[in-house]
Protein backbone atom coordinates (compact mmCIF):
# COMPACT_ATOMS: atom_id res chain seq x y z
CA MET A 1 -94.38 -77.22 -36.56
CA LEU A 2 -91.60 -76.81 -39.11
CA GLN A 3 -94.06 -75.52 -41.65
CA LYS A 4 -95.18 -72.80 -39.24
CA LEU A 5 -91.57 -71.66 -38.69
CA ARG A 6 -90.83 -71.66 -42.44
CA ARG A 7 -93.98 -69.70 -43.22
CA ARG A 8 -93.17 -67.18 -40.48
CA LEU A 9 -89.59 -66.69 -41.74
CA GLN A 10 -90.85 -66.10 -45.28
CA GLU A 11 -93.37 -63.51 -44.11
CA GLU A 12 -90.80 -61.43 -42.22
CA GLN A 13 -88.65 -59.71 -44.83
CA GLY A 14 -86.93 -57.03 -42.69
CA PHE A 15 -87.53 -53.65 -41.10
CA THR A 16 -90.11 -51.20 -42.30
CA LEU A 17 -89.15 -47.73 -43.47
CA ILE A 18 -90.80 -46.18 -40.41
CA GLU A 19 -88.74 -48.34 -38.05
CA LEU A 20 -85.51 -47.35 -39.80
CA LEU A 21 -86.41 -43.65 -39.71
CA VAL A 22 -87.18 -43.82 -35.99
CA VAL A 23 -83.80 -45.42 -35.27
CA ILE A 24 -81.98 -42.81 -37.38
CA LEU A 25 -83.86 -40.03 -35.58
CA ILE A 26 -82.86 -41.39 -32.17
CA ILE A 27 -79.21 -41.64 -33.22
CA ALA A 28 -79.29 -38.06 -34.55
CA ILE A 29 -80.73 -36.74 -31.27
CA LEU A 30 -78.07 -38.56 -29.23
CA ALA A 31 -75.32 -37.18 -31.50
CA ALA A 32 -76.69 -33.64 -31.19
CA VAL A 33 -76.44 -33.91 -27.41
CA ALA A 34 -73.08 -35.69 -27.23
CA ILE A 35 -70.95 -33.78 -29.77
CA PRO A 36 -71.00 -30.33 -28.08
CA THR A 37 -70.25 -31.95 -24.73
CA PHE A 38 -67.31 -33.80 -26.26
CA LEU A 39 -65.89 -30.62 -27.81
CA ASN A 40 -66.07 -28.79 -24.46
CA GLN A 41 -64.16 -31.59 -22.78
CA ARG A 42 -61.41 -31.35 -25.38
CA GLY A 43 -60.97 -27.64 -24.62
CA LYS A 44 -60.74 -28.38 -20.92
CA ALA A 45 -58.15 -31.09 -21.58
CA TYR A 46 -55.98 -28.67 -23.60
CA ASP A 47 -56.22 -26.13 -20.79
CA SER A 48 -55.43 -28.76 -18.17
CA ASN A 49 -52.22 -29.50 -20.06
CA ALA A 50 -51.28 -25.80 -19.87
CA GLN A 51 -52.11 -25.69 -16.15
CA THR A 52 -49.87 -28.69 -15.55
CA MET A 53 -47.04 -26.99 -17.46
CA VAL A 54 -47.37 -23.86 -15.31
CA LYS A 55 -47.31 -25.94 -12.10
CA ASN A 56 -44.17 -27.72 -13.35
CA MET A 57 -42.60 -24.34 -14.10
CA GLN A 58 -43.46 -23.20 -10.57
CA THR A 59 -41.82 -26.28 -9.06
CA ALA A 60 -38.72 -25.78 -11.22
CA GLU A 61 -38.56 -22.09 -10.22
CA GLU A 62 -38.66 -23.03 -6.53
CA THR A 63 -36.01 -25.69 -7.12
CA TYR A 64 -33.81 -23.13 -8.89
CA ALA A 65 -34.20 -20.72 -5.96
CA THR A 66 -33.29 -23.45 -3.48
CA ASN A 67 -30.09 -24.17 -5.42
CA ASN A 68 -29.21 -20.45 -5.82
CA ASN A 69 -29.57 -18.91 -2.34
CA GLY A 70 -33.22 -17.93 -2.80
CA THR A 71 -32.74 -16.02 -6.05
CA TYR A 72 -35.29 -16.73 -8.78
CA THR A 73 -34.51 -16.92 -12.49
CA SER A 74 -36.14 -15.25 -15.46
CA ASN A 75 -34.51 -17.63 -17.92
CA LEU A 76 -36.66 -20.41 -19.35
CA SER A 77 -33.59 -22.52 -20.16
CA ASP A 78 -32.71 -22.60 -16.43
CA LEU A 79 -36.12 -24.11 -15.72
CA THR A 80 -35.79 -26.53 -18.64
CA SER A 81 -32.47 -27.78 -17.27
CA ILE A 82 -34.25 -28.64 -14.00
CA ASP A 83 -37.34 -30.14 -15.65
CA PRO A 84 -36.90 -31.15 -19.31
CA SER A 85 -40.69 -31.42 -19.79
CA ILE A 86 -40.86 -27.60 -19.70
CA GLN A 87 -40.69 -26.82 -23.38
CA SER A 88 -43.01 -25.95 -26.22
CA ASN A 89 -44.92 -28.91 -27.55
CA ALA A 90 -47.94 -29.50 -29.74
CA GLY A 91 -50.37 -28.37 -27.05
CA VAL A 92 -48.61 -25.85 -24.77
CA ASN A 93 -46.19 -22.95 -25.04
CA PRO A 94 -44.43 -21.82 -21.86
CA SER A 95 -44.58 -18.11 -22.51
CA VAL A 96 -43.51 -15.91 -19.59
CA VAL A 97 -40.83 -16.28 -16.98
CA SER A 98 -39.91 -13.25 -14.95
CA ALA A 99 -38.21 -12.92 -11.59
CA ASN A 100 -38.12 -10.29 -8.89
CA GLY A 101 -34.84 -11.17 -7.18
CA THR A 102 -35.61 -13.06 -3.98
CA ASN A 103 -39.13 -11.64 -3.64
CA GLY A 104 -40.97 -13.64 -6.28
CA TYR A 105 -41.55 -14.66 -9.85
CA THR A 106 -44.17 -15.05 -12.56
CA VAL A 107 -44.52 -18.10 -14.80
CA ALA A 108 -47.09 -18.61 -17.57
CA ALA A 109 -48.10 -21.02 -20.29
CA THR A 110 -50.62 -20.87 -23.12
CA ALA A 111 -52.73 -23.71 -24.49
CA THR A 112 -52.22 -23.52 -28.24
CA GLN A 113 -55.58 -25.05 -29.16
CA THR A 114 -57.80 -22.77 -27.05
CA GLY A 115 -55.49 -19.77 -26.67
CA ASP A 116 -56.16 -19.72 -22.92
CA SER A 117 -53.20 -18.44 -20.91
CA PHE A 118 -52.50 -19.51 -17.31
CA THR A 119 -50.21 -17.58 -14.96
CA ILE A 120 -48.82 -18.17 -11.48
CA THR A 121 -47.36 -15.18 -9.68
CA MET A 122 -45.49 -15.57 -6.40
CA ASN A 123 -44.77 -12.31 -4.59
CA ASN A 124 -43.40 -12.34 -1.04
CA GLY A 125 -44.99 -15.72 -0.36
CA GLN A 126 -48.40 -14.81 -1.81
CA GLU A 127 -49.46 -17.03 -4.70
CA THR A 128 -51.87 -15.73 -7.36
CA LEU A 129 -53.30 -17.93 -10.09
CA THR A 130 -54.79 -16.02 -13.01
CA CYS A 131 -55.91 -16.87 -16.50
CA SER A 132 -57.14 -15.18 -19.62
CA ALA A 133 -59.50 -16.77 -22.10
CA GLY A 134 -58.24 -17.13 -25.64
CA THR A 135 -60.05 -17.13 -28.94
CA GLY A 136 -59.33 -20.70 -30.00
CA GLY A 137 -61.62 -23.68 -30.19
CA GLY A 138 -62.90 -25.83 -27.36
CA LYS A 139 -65.03 -23.23 -25.60
CA PRO A 140 -65.58 -23.20 -22.74
CA GLY A 141 -62.14 -24.14 -21.59
CA ALA A 142 -60.80 -24.29 -18.04
CA CYS A 143 -60.43 -20.51 -17.62
CA PRO A 144 -63.51 -19.29 -15.72
CA SER A 145 -64.98 -15.84 -16.27
CA SER A 146 -63.57 -14.74 -12.89
CA GLY A 147 -60.05 -14.91 -14.36
CA THR A 148 -58.67 -17.02 -11.51
CA TRP A 149 -58.19 -20.76 -11.46
């Protein structure tokens, strides 16, 4: 019995070249499918960060108006004093803040990695969410071709 096991172990020296090539081919096919999907998800994550920034800016703008008799601000530092997370960072630049007295405002942020810009406009109680696709990496990002999100 032991002789059979020893003989069998001596006969089996390892994998054949064909077996190794098949395994490498399977790994290459899986990588070819997974890598583009992974890159698209990164672009969407960058854009999601910008969308979150714009929503935070909207909340801060509404808070500012509540504290100032319904008048909106066009000053980014006013919003930053309400919510300190509203500031440029490695992934997002808050880019536009404009106000129309007590009628409404526009806030925007741009994802630095994808270049996608997200905007929220409030005008007389009507909210509009728009976006524009950038030229950066991570395509497709979270800005659909319709231009609204």
